Amino acid sequence: MGSDPNGQTNALRYQEPAGRAMQSFIVVIGATFGALASACAYLISYHEYRQRMLRLDQNPRRMALGTAIVTFAFFLIASIVLSVVLKPGT
């Protein structure tokens, strides 16, 4: 590893800022928990839709999938907003 005139090594000079890495980490955590929450939301809502006597034109799988998509989107958007509001590393 070479060093510049200020004495810093090249490896340190090209590292990603800590704040951006932390923001990415928060979004990844939000996506992970969003996937888990949406899977649980799908299973719970599918079970509930199957128990309720729905009309023939209502598909419980499609309705449960809609619930899961909304749950995942909520978690993902919340994690993005949280990472912007907290501004970690600054």
C-alpha atoms as a PDB file:
ATOM      1  CA  MET A   1       0.000   0.000   0.000  1.00  0.00           C
ATOM      2  CA  GLY A   2       1.361   3.358  -0.959  1.00  0.00           C
ATOM      3  CA  SER A   3       0.829   6.556   0.921  1.00  0.00           C
ATOM      4  CA  ASP A   4       0.122  10.090  -0.192  1.00  0.00           C
ATOM      5  CA  PRO A   5       2.049  13.200   0.976  1.00  0.00           C
ATOM      6  CA  ASN A   6      -0.284  13.561   3.995  1.00  0.00           C
ATOM      7  CA  GLY A   7       0.656  10.107   5.275  1.00  0.00           C
ATOM      8  CA  GLN A   8      -2.695   8.433   4.589  1.00  0.00           C
ATOM      9  CA  THR A   9      -2.699   5.069   2.921  1.00  0.00           C
ATOM     10  CA  ASN A  10      -4.556   4.581  -0.359  1.00  0.00           C
ATOM     11  CA  ALA A  11      -6.833   1.987   1.234  1.00  0.00           C
ATOM     12  CA  LEU A  12      -8.116   4.502   3.761  1.00  0.00           C
ATOM     13  CA  ARG A  13      -8.556   7.225   1.190  1.00  0.00           C
ATOM     14  CA  TYR A  14     -10.935   5.199  -1.015  1.00  0.00           C
ATOM     15  CA  GLN A  15     -13.225   3.753   1.644  1.00  0.00           C
ATOM     16  CA  GLU A  16     -16.914   4.513   1.517  1.00  0.00           C
ATOM     17  CA  PRO A  17     -18.040   7.112   4.064  1.00  0.00           C
ATOM     18  CA  ALA A  18     -19.383   5.568   7.266  1.00  0.00           C
ATOM     19  CA  GLY A  19     -22.704   7.415   6.995  1.00  0.00           C
ATOM     20  CA  ARG A  20     -23.506   6.010   3.566  1.00  0.00           C
ATOM     21  CA  ALA A  21     -22.585   2.490   4.667  1.00  0.00           C
ATOM     22  CA  MET A  22     -24.822   2.829   7.710  1.00  0.00           C
ATOM     23  CA  GLN A  23     -27.701   4.120   5.585  1.00  0.00           C
ATOM     24  CA  SER A  24     -27.326   1.108   3.304  1.00  0.00           C
ATOM     25  CA  PHE A  25     -27.269  -1.163   6.332  1.00  0.00           C
ATOM     26  CA  ILE A  26     -30.509   0.357   7.672  1.00  0.00           C
ATOM     27  CA  VAL A  27     -32.213  -0.153   4.299  1.00  0.00           C
ATOM     28  CA  VAL A  28     -30.995  -3.776   4.106  1.00  0.00           C
ATOM     29  CA  ILE A  29     -32.290  -4.436   7.618  1.00  0.00           C
ATOM     30  CA  GLY A  30     -35.618  -2.835   6.665  1.00  0.00           C
ATOM     31  CA  ALA A  31     -35.871  -4.989   3.542  1.00  0.00           C
ATOM     32  CA  THR A  32     -35.024  -8.131   5.531  1.00  0.00           C
ATOM     33  CA  PHE A  33     -37.606  -7.476   8.224  1.00  0.00           C
ATOM     34  CA  GLY A  34     -40.043  -6.319   5.546  1.00  0.00           C
ATOM     35  CA  ALA A  35     -39.715  -9.679   3.801  1.00  0.00           C
ATOM     36  CA  LEU A  36     -40.302 -11.519   7.075  1.00  0.00           C
ATOM     37  CA  ALA A  37     -43.252  -9.302   7.961  1.00  0.00           C
ATOM     38  CA  SER A  38     -44.805  -9.670   4.518  1.00  0.00           C
ATOM     39  CA  ALA A  39     -44.502 -13.466   4.689  1.00  0.00           C
ATOM     40  CA  CYS A  40     -46.261 -13.429   8.066  1.00  0.00           C
ATOM     41  CA  ALA A  41     -48.884 -10.997   6.777  1.00  0.00           C
ATOM     42  CA  TYR A  42     -49.535 -13.261   3.799  1.00  0.00           C
ATOM     43  CA  LEU A  43     -49.958 -16.358   5.955  1.00  0.00           C
ATOM     44  CA  ILE A  44     -52.186 -14.634   8.501  1.00  0.00           C
ATOM     45  CA  SER A  45     -54.400 -12.864   5.991  1.00  0.00           C
ATOM     46  CA  TYR A  46     -54.667 -15.946   3.757  1.00  0.00           C
ATOM     47  CA  HIS A  47     -55.802 -17.993   6.733  1.00  0.00           C
ATOM     48  CA  GLU A  48     -58.342 -15.343   7.713  1.00  0.00           C
ATOM     49  CA  TYR A  49     -59.646 -14.931   4.155  1.00  0.00           C
ATOM     50  CA  ARG A  50     -60.072 -18.698   3.847  1.00  0.00           C
ATOM     51  CA  GLN A  51     -62.024 -18.857   7.113  1.00  0.00           C
ATOM     52  CA  ARG A  52     -64.387 -16.091   6.067  1.00  0.00           C
ATOM     53  CA  MET A  53     -66.846 -17.182   3.476  1.00  0.00           C
ATOM     54  CA  LEU A  54     -65.832 -14.965   0.565  1.00  0.00           C
ATOM     55  CA  ARG A  55     -67.823 -14.405  -2.580  1.00  0.00           C
ATOM     56  CA  LEU A  56     -66.966 -16.593  -5.556  1.00  0.00           C
ATOM     57  CA  ASP A  57     -65.284 -13.727  -7.397  1.00  0.00           C
ATOM     58  CA  GLN A  58     -62.839 -13.088  -4.512  1.00  0.00           C
ATOM     59  CA  ASN A  59     -59.534 -14.955  -4.543  1.00  0.00           C
ATOM     60  CA  PRO A  60     -58.018 -15.313  -1.045  1.00  0.00           C
ATOM     61  CA  ARG A  61     -54.498 -15.817  -2.427  1.00  0.00           C
ATOM     62  CA  ARG A  62     -54.624 -12.632  -4.470  1.00  0.00           C
ATOM     63  CA  MET A  63     -56.061 -10.665  -1.557  1.00  0.00           C
ATOM     64  CA  ALA A  64     -53.392 -12.027   0.817  1.00  0.00           C
ATOM     65  CA  LEU A  65     -50.673 -11.207  -1.721  1.00  0.00           C
ATOM     66  CA  GLY A  66     -51.920  -7.619  -1.820  1.00  0.00           C
ATOM     67  CA  THR A  67     -51.647  -7.451   1.961  1.00  0.00           C
ATOM     68  CA  ALA A  68     -48.096  -8.837   1.814  1.00  0.00           C
ATOM     69  CA  ILE A  69     -47.035  -6.324  -0.847  1.00  0.00           C
ATOM     70  CA  VAL A  70     -48.383  -3.397   1.177  1.00  0.00           C
ATOM     71  CA  THR A  71     -46.610  -4.689   4.298  1.00  0.00           C
ATOM     72  CA  PHE A  72     -43.273  -5.021   2.477  1.00  0.00           C
ATOM     73  CA  ALA A  73     -43.624  -1.581   0.922  1.00  0.00           C
ATOM     74  CA  PHE A  74     -44.394  -0.054   4.325  1.00  0.00           C
ATOM     75  CA  PHE A  75     -41.291  -1.577   5.932  1.00  0.00           C
ATOM     76  CA  LEU A  76     -39.049  -0.628   3.016  1.00  0.00           C
ATOM     77  CA  ILE A  77     -40.298   2.966   2.840  1.00  0.00           C
ATOM     78  CA  ALA A  78     -40.070   3.304   6.632  1.00  0.00           C
ATOM     79  CA  SER A  79     -36.452   2.117   6.617  1.00  0.00           C
ATOM     80  CA  ILE A  80     -35.535   4.536   3.812  1.00  0.00           C
ATOM     81  CA  VAL A  81     -37.167   7.440   5.652  1.00  0.00           C
ATOM     82  CA  LEU A  82     -35.473   6.399   8.884  1.00  0.00           C
ATOM     83  CA  SER A  83     -32.064   6.241   7.228  1.00  0.00           C
ATOM     84  CA  VAL A  84     -32.539   9.739   5.797  1.00  0.00           C
ATOM     85  CA  VAL A  85     -33.900  11.237   9.017  1.00  0.00           C
ATOM     86  CA  LEU A  86     -31.228   9.757  11.279  1.00  0.00           C
ATOM     87  CA  LYS A  87     -28.344  10.584   8.911  1.00  0.00           C
ATOM     88  CA  PRO A  88     -25.953   8.164  10.625  1.00  0.00           C
ATOM     89  CA  GLY A  89     -22.287   9.036  10.631  1.00  0.00           C
ATOM     90  CA  THR A  90     -22.751  12.785  10.190  1.00  0.00           C
END
